[in-house]
Structure formats: structure tokens, C-alpha cells
Amino acid sequence: MGRPPTCEYWGICKDLCFNPGEPGCGGEVVTYNRPGKKGSRPTFMCKRCRKQLSQLRGTQALQGRQGQGSFFACQDVLGRPNVKLSRREIIWLTYAMVKGFSSRNTRELTEKEFKLSNSTRTDWRNYTREVALEELRAQPAMGGVGEVVQIDECLLRGRRKANPSRLLTGDSVPSRRRNNYGGVSNKCPWIFGMLHVSTKELRLFEVDKRDAATLGSLIAKHILPGTTVYSDEWAAYQCIPRLVDANGTPLNLDWRTVNHSVNFVGPTTGANTQRIESE
């Protein structure tokens, strides 16, 4: 179930460093279903030099950080292959995760095509989240001179319509522990967001507090020097003009604010956070 087709193309042998014995080989590396006692097994094979390698092991060019393999052929800390799913199965699971399907919907989607256990589906959902998080952390800072980045924060708290039925997560937080800095983070977290207006790139961060130290460090890390920053008049943003990068160089951010209790758009600054709030 879910075996990749024989004609699947992966790249050029020398570009993938597929065959160390022939580093200049220009053959195409494709999928070859090698027959065996327990049935066919998907294998990388170069059409020219005939080098073969199990798809459960990966290639040198697919090796990631600290010797780990790629998304489709990763290894454990001892260098052993620990992915026994086909590429097609992995793509189906990733598609379900990216589209926001629930665990139940993912099971219904995949069980018609593949025989996957609940633990396998759960592991790959968690793995996809980790990959997305690492990709976000590796993204370069946004903005720049002449560019506008809107920032805002919101509290994720449930609210029941007409107060019937059971309490939602946010409603169950004791009022004595609620405060302007987020209260109990595991009950109703604060979400801090940045939106690059010209590219529409949106970044969201879950934070325990929305104080100057927390928000300031995120702004300094993810926004380029000279960027025009639009925000409301939350007190923690007062640190923006004083922010510096990792080397201690001032960011010189052009900070403009809008008082939401009076205007949606600042009459003198032109600042607004309408786009990020609509997200």
C-alpha cells in the first residue's frame, strides 16, 4: 500500500552526492522497487552507474542537522533508519495536517488508502508541527527601510453564548489570577502577531506575558532595522525606540501608534493595525 512509482525522479547523481565512488556521475536518480523475499522495497537507483540505496536510509545530500535525515528519510541518534512509510503516505499525512484536519478526519482520510496505526498518525502530526516551528525560527527578519510591519496582541479566551452549557477554557480561569500580563498562560495564552504589510507575511507567537521584555525581544529578532512599526498604545511598546540587535546596534525603528479608544487610524501618524486584527 502506498509504494511510490518506479519512475519517481529525485535528482542528478552528482548533485545528490549519491555515489561517492563516482562523484561526477550525471545519471538520474529514480525510485526502483527492488524485489525481495518480503515483497518489493522502494530503493534509490542511478540509471547510469546503477548505484542503489534503500529509501529508508536516505542519501548524503539529504542529511540534515547533526546527522539527521530528511523529512522523508530520517535517522535516529544511532544512524539507523526510523521511517518506514512511503513518500505517498507521508505526503497524505502532511496534507491533512497543513489543511487543519482533526485527528478523526485524518484517520478517516488515510484509512481508506493506507494501513496506519493511531500512534503513527499522532507522531507525524507532532513531527509536522516541529518542522513548521523550526522553519519559522529559521526565517529571516521582516521589514526594512520604507517597509511597514503591524504588530498586535490578543488574549485567547473562550466565551459562551448566552452563558449556557459548560464553561470554556478561558471562562474557567479564576478572576483573581487574571491580569494585563496574560494571567495563567496554560489557560488563556496571549498571542503576539506581526504582519508585513507589503508581503502579507504573518508571524504568530504564543507568549506567557505581553510585557516589554517579552515583546521587545521578539520585535528585535524578527523585524529589520529602519522598519516602520504600527501598533496601539500598549505600554510595553514604549521599549521599541530603544531596541538593539544581538550586537548592541540600535534598530532605529520608526514607531507609530494609534489610540484605539479614539480612532481606528492615527490622525497624525497614519498608523493602524486593521490588517493584522483582521487576520
Protein backbone atom coordinates (compact mmCIF):
# COMPACT_ATOMS: atom_id res chain seq x y z
CA MET A 1 0.00 0.00 0.00
CA GLY A 2 1.31 3.43 -0.90
CA ARG A 3 4.51 2.32 -2.66
CA PRO A 4 6.00 5.09 -4.84
CA PRO A 5 6.02 4.59 -8.62
CA THR A 6 9.13 3.24 -10.29
CA CYS A 7 9.55 6.35 -12.45
CA GLU A 8 9.73 8.77 -9.48
CA TYR A 9 12.59 11.23 -10.13
CA TRP A 10 14.79 12.56 -7.31
CA GLY A 11 17.65 14.42 -8.97
CA ILE A 12 21.09 14.06 -10.57
CA CYS A 13 23.52 11.59 -9.03
CA LYS A 14 26.43 14.05 -8.58
CA ASP A 15 24.17 16.80 -7.21
CA LEU A 16 22.82 14.42 -4.57
CA CYS A 17 26.33 13.04 -3.78
CA PHE A 18 24.59 9.72 -4.29
CA ASN A 19 27.61 7.62 -5.30
CA PRO A 20 30.89 8.65 -3.58
CA GLY A 21 32.74 6.20 -5.85
CA GLU A 22 31.71 8.19 -8.94
CA PRO A 23 31.34 11.82 -7.78
CA GLY A 24 30.97 13.10 -11.36
CA CYS A 25 28.15 10.79 -12.44
CA GLY A 26 25.42 12.68 -14.28
CA GLY A 27 22.80 9.94 -14.18
CA GLU A 28 19.25 10.40 -12.95
CA VAL A 29 18.35 9.03 -9.52
CA VAL A 30 14.90 7.45 -9.58
CA THR A 31 12.81 5.11 -7.45
CA TYR A 32 13.27 1.42 -8.15
CA ASN A 33 11.09 -1.17 -6.43
CA ARG A 34 13.66 -3.86 -5.68
CA PRO A 35 12.14 -7.35 -5.34
CA GLY A 36 12.78 -9.33 -2.17
CA LYS A 37 11.53 -12.22 -0.07
CA LYS A 38 9.09 -9.98 1.76
CA GLY A 39 7.96 -8.15 -1.35
CA SER A 40 9.32 -5.17 -3.22
CA ARG A 41 11.10 -2.39 -1.33
CA PRO A 42 11.45 1.21 -2.58
CA THR A 43 15.07 1.92 -3.47
CA PHE A 44 17.01 4.88 -4.86
CA MET A 45 18.83 3.89 -8.07
CA CYS A 46 21.01 5.81 -10.51
CA LYS A 47 20.19 4.92 -14.11
CA ARG A 48 23.79 5.43 -15.21
CA CYS A 49 26.10 3.99 -12.54
CA ARG A 50 23.39 1.62 -11.20
CA LYS A 51 24.16 2.58 -7.60
CA GLN A 52 21.29 1.54 -5.30
CA LEU A 53 20.34 2.67 -1.81
CA SER A 54 17.29 1.91 0.29
CA GLN A 55 14.85 4.82 0.55
CA LEU A 56 14.66 4.10 4.27
CA ARG A 57 18.29 5.26 4.61
CA GLY A 58 18.41 8.45 2.50
CA THR A 59 21.43 9.97 0.74
CA GLN A 60 24.32 12.13 1.88
CA ALA A 61 22.77 15.26 0.37
CA LEU A 62 19.57 14.59 2.31
CA GLN A 63 21.41 14.54 5.63
CA GLY A 64 20.17 17.36 7.84
CA ARG A 65 21.40 18.93 11.04
CA GLN A 66 23.51 16.82 13.38
CA GLY A 67 23.41 13.84 11.01
CA GLN A 68 19.65 13.57 10.93
CA GLY A 69 17.98 12.61 7.66
CA SER A 70 15.48 14.46 5.53
CA PHE A 71 11.74 14.78 6.08
CA PHE A 72 11.21 11.60 4.02
CA ALA A 73 14.18 9.54 5.20
CA CYS A 74 15.36 10.49 8.68
CA GLN A 75 17.55 8.56 11.10
CA ASP A 76 17.69 8.16 14.84
CA VAL A 77 20.63 9.20 17.04
CA LEU A 78 22.42 5.94 16.23
CA GLY A 79 22.17 6.49 12.49
CA ARG A 80 19.52 3.83 11.95
CA PRO A 81 16.59 4.46 9.57
CA ASN A 82 13.40 5.10 11.52
CA VAL A 83 10.93 5.97 8.76
CA LYS A 84 9.08 3.02 7.30
CA LEU A 85 6.37 4.96 5.49
CA SER A 86 6.34 5.55 1.78
CA ARG A 87 6.66 9.05 0.40
CA ARG A 88 3.00 8.94 -0.65
CA GLU A 89 1.86 8.08 2.89
CA ILE A 90 3.94 10.90 4.36
CA ILE A 91 2.55 13.43 1.88
CA TRP A 92 -1.02 12.38 2.70
CA LEU A 93 -0.42 12.83 6.43
CA THR A 94 1.31 16.16 5.88
CA TYR A 95 -1.53 17.37 3.64
CA ALA A 96 -4.08 16.55 6.34
CA MET A 97 -2.02 18.42 8.93
CA VAL A 98 -1.47 21.51 6.78
CA LYS A 99 -5.19 21.69 5.91
CA GLY A 100 -6.06 21.67 9.61
CA PHE A 101 -7.88 18.34 9.68
CA SER A 102 -8.66 16.93 13.11
CA SER A 103 -7.24 13.60 14.26
CA ARG A 104 -10.55 11.94 13.46
CA ASN A 105 -10.73 13.42 9.97
CA THR A 106 -7.11 12.44 9.35
CA ARG A 107 -7.90 8.86 10.31
CA GLU A 108 -10.93 8.77 8.00
CA LEU A 109 -8.88 10.26 5.17
CA THR A 110 -5.94 7.89 5.43
CA GLU A 111 -7.53 4.60 6.45
CA LYS A 112 -9.15 4.24 3.03
CA GLU A 113 -5.74 4.28 1.34
CA PHE A 114 -3.23 3.14 3.95
CA LYS A 115 -2.92 0.93 6.99
CA LEU A 116 -1.59 3.32 9.62
CA SER A 117 -1.84 3.00 13.39
CA ASN A 118 -3.11 5.78 15.63
CA SER A 119 0.36 6.23 17.12
CA THR A 120 1.88 6.66 13.65
CA ARG A 121 -0.63 9.34 12.71
CA THR A 122 -0.09 11.14 16.01
CA ASP A 123 3.70 11.01 15.69
CA TRP A 124 3.63 12.53 12.22
CA ARG A 125 1.22 15.28 13.24
CA ASN A 126 3.64 16.23 16.02
CA TYR A 127 6.61 15.94 13.67
CA THR A 128 4.96 18.28 11.15
CA ARG A 129 4.42 20.85 13.91
CA GLU A 130 8.09 20.63 14.87
CA VAL A 131 9.21 21.13 11.27
CA ALA A 132 6.94 24.18 10.91
CA LEU A 133 8.29 25.62 14.16
CA GLU A 134 11.91 25.17 13.08
CA GLU A 135 11.13 26.76 9.73
CA LEU A 136 9.62 29.77 11.49
CA ARG A 137 12.66 30.13 13.73
CA ALA A 138 14.95 30.00 10.70
CA GLN A 139 13.08 32.70 8.78
CA PRO A 140 14.99 35.97 8.23
CA ALA A 141 13.72 39.14 9.85
CA MET A 142 10.95 41.01 8.03
CA GLY A 143 10.58 44.63 7.04
CA GLY A 144 13.32 47.12 6.24
CA VAL A 145 13.63 50.81 5.43
CA GLY A 146 10.39 52.05 3.88
CA GLU A 147 8.51 48.87 4.86
CA VAL A 148 5.61 48.71 7.33
CA VAL A 149 5.05 45.97 9.92
CA GLN A 150 1.90 45.97 12.03
CA ILE A 151 2.05 44.36 15.47
CA ASP A 152 -0.72 43.46 17.88
CA GLU A 153 -1.55 41.03 20.65
CA CYS A 154 -4.72 39.25 21.70
CA LEU A 155 -5.88 37.00 24.52
CA LEU A 156 -7.35 33.64 23.53
CA ARG A 157 -10.26 33.27 25.89
CA GLY A 158 -13.47 31.37 25.26
CA ARG A 159 -16.87 32.96 25.69
CA ARG A 160 -20.18 31.13 25.89
CA LYS A 161 -23.19 32.46 24.01
CA ALA A 162 -25.94 33.46 26.49
CA ASN A 163 -23.96 31.59 29.21
CA PRO A 164 -25.48 28.11 28.70
CA SER A 165 -23.77 24.70 28.97
CA ARG A 166 -20.32 24.06 30.40
CA LEU A 167 -17.53 26.55 30.99
CA LEU A 168 -14.97 27.10 28.27
CA THR A 169 -11.24 27.19 28.93
CA GLY A 170 -10.96 30.95 29.29
CA ASP A 171 -14.11 31.23 31.40
CA SER A 172 -12.76 28.74 33.95
CA VAL A 173 -9.75 30.92 34.85
CA PRO A 174 -10.20 32.38 38.36
CA SER A 175 -10.76 36.12 38.14
CA ARG A 176 -8.21 36.78 40.89
CA ARG A 177 -5.46 35.43 38.62
CA ARG A 178 -6.39 37.41 35.52
CA ASN A 179 -4.21 40.42 34.83
CA ASN A 180 -2.98 42.59 31.99
CA TYR A 181 0.06 40.39 31.53
CA GLY A 182 -1.80 37.29 30.47
CA GLY A 183 -2.82 35.55 33.67
CA VAL A 184 -2.35 31.78 33.55
CA SER A 185 -0.58 31.02 30.28
CA ASN A 186 -1.78 27.42 30.04
CA LYS A 187 -5.40 28.56 30.46
CA CYS A 188 -5.70 31.56 28.17
CA PRO A 189 -2.46 32.37 26.36
CA TRP A 190 -1.52 35.66 24.77
CA ILE A 191 -0.82 35.58 21.04
CA PHE A 192 1.57 38.21 19.69
CA GLY A 193 1.49 38.80 15.95
CA MET A 194 3.50 40.64 13.28
CA LEU A 195 2.23 41.37 9.76
CA HIS A 196 4.49 42.62 6.96
CA VAL A 197 2.03 44.81 5.04
CA SER A 198 3.63 44.62 1.58
CA THR A 199 4.22 40.84 1.53
CA LYS A 200 1.30 39.92 3.84
CA GLU A 201 3.63 37.61 5.76
CA LEU A 202 2.15 36.86 9.17
CA ARG A 203 4.00 35.51 12.19
CA LEU A 204 2.26 34.50 15.42
CA PHE A 205 3.87 33.73 18.77
CA GLU A 206 2.38 32.35 21.97
CA VAL A 207 3.77 34.28 24.93
CA ASP A 208 3.34 33.96 28.68
CA LYS A 209 3.34 37.72 29.17
CA ARG A 210 2.93 40.77 26.98
CA ASP A 211 5.48 42.84 28.87
CA ALA A 212 8.29 44.90 27.35
CA ALA A 213 10.95 42.22 27.86
CA THR A 214 8.94 39.51 26.09
CA LEU A 215 7.56 41.54 23.19
CA GLY A 216 10.71 43.61 22.78
CA SER A 217 12.91 40.54 22.30
CA LEU A 218 10.58 39.18 19.59
CA ILE A 219 10.46 42.53 17.79
CA ALA A 220 14.25 42.88 17.86
CA LYS A 221 14.71 39.36 16.49
CA HIS A 222 12.08 39.38 13.73
CA ILE A 223 11.99 42.99 12.45
CA LEU A 224 14.80 44.58 10.43
CA PRO A 225 16.41 47.94 11.32
CA GLY A 226 14.71 51.03 9.92
CA THR A 227 11.29 49.38 9.64
CA THR A 228 8.16 51.44 10.26
CA VAL A 229 6.21 49.72 13.05
CA TYR A 230 2.50 50.35 13.61
CA SER A 231 0.95 49.42 16.97
CA ASP A 232 -1.60 50.51 19.52
CA GLU A 233 -0.56 52.41 22.65
CA TRP A 234 0.03 49.42 24.89
CA ALA A 235 2.64 50.46 27.47
CA ALA A 236 5.04 47.59 26.71
CA TYR A 237 5.66 49.03 23.23
CA GLN A 238 7.41 52.03 24.78
CA CYS A 239 10.61 49.97 24.53
CA ILE A 240 10.55 49.94 20.70
CA PRO A 241 12.62 53.14 20.14
CA ARG A 242 15.36 51.74 22.41
CA LEU A 243 15.63 48.25 20.90
CA VAL A 244 19.01 46.97 19.73
CA ASP A 245 20.09 43.89 17.77
CA ALA A 246 22.22 40.99 19.04
CA ASN A 247 25.38 43.08 18.54
CA GLY A 248 24.05 46.04 20.50
CA THR A 249 23.43 48.20 17.41
CA PRO A 250 20.27 50.35 17.63
CA LEU A 251 17.48 49.19 15.31
CA ASN A 252 16.20 52.75 14.77
CA LEU A 253 12.62 51.58 14.23
CA ASP A 254 10.11 54.21 13.11
CA TRP A 255 7.41 53.55 15.71
CA ARG A 256 3.94 54.99 15.12
CA THR A 257 0.89 54.43 17.29
CA VAL A 258 -2.89 54.69 17.18
CA ASN A 259 -5.19 55.15 20.17
CA HIS A 260 -7.95 52.60 19.57
CA SER A 261 -10.22 54.17 22.16
CA VAL A 262 -10.43 57.25 19.92
CA ASN A 263 -9.54 56.31 16.33
CA PHE A 264 -9.04 53.28 14.10
CA VAL A 265 -6.35 55.19 12.20
CA GLY A 266 -4.00 57.66 13.87
CA PRO A 267 -4.96 61.15 12.58
CA THR A 268 -1.40 62.45 12.71
CA THR A 269 0.71 59.29 12.35
CA GLY A 270 -1.48 57.37 9.89
CA ALA A 271 -0.77 54.28 11.97
CA ASN A 272 -3.32 51.46 12.10
CA THR A 273 -3.43 47.77 12.93
CA GLN A 274 -6.52 46.90 10.91
CA ARG A 275 -4.88 44.30 8.69
CA ILE A 276 -3.32 42.24 11.44
CA GLU A 277 -6.50 42.43 13.52
CA SER A 278 -8.50 41.10 10.56
CA GLU A 279 -6.23 38.07 10.47
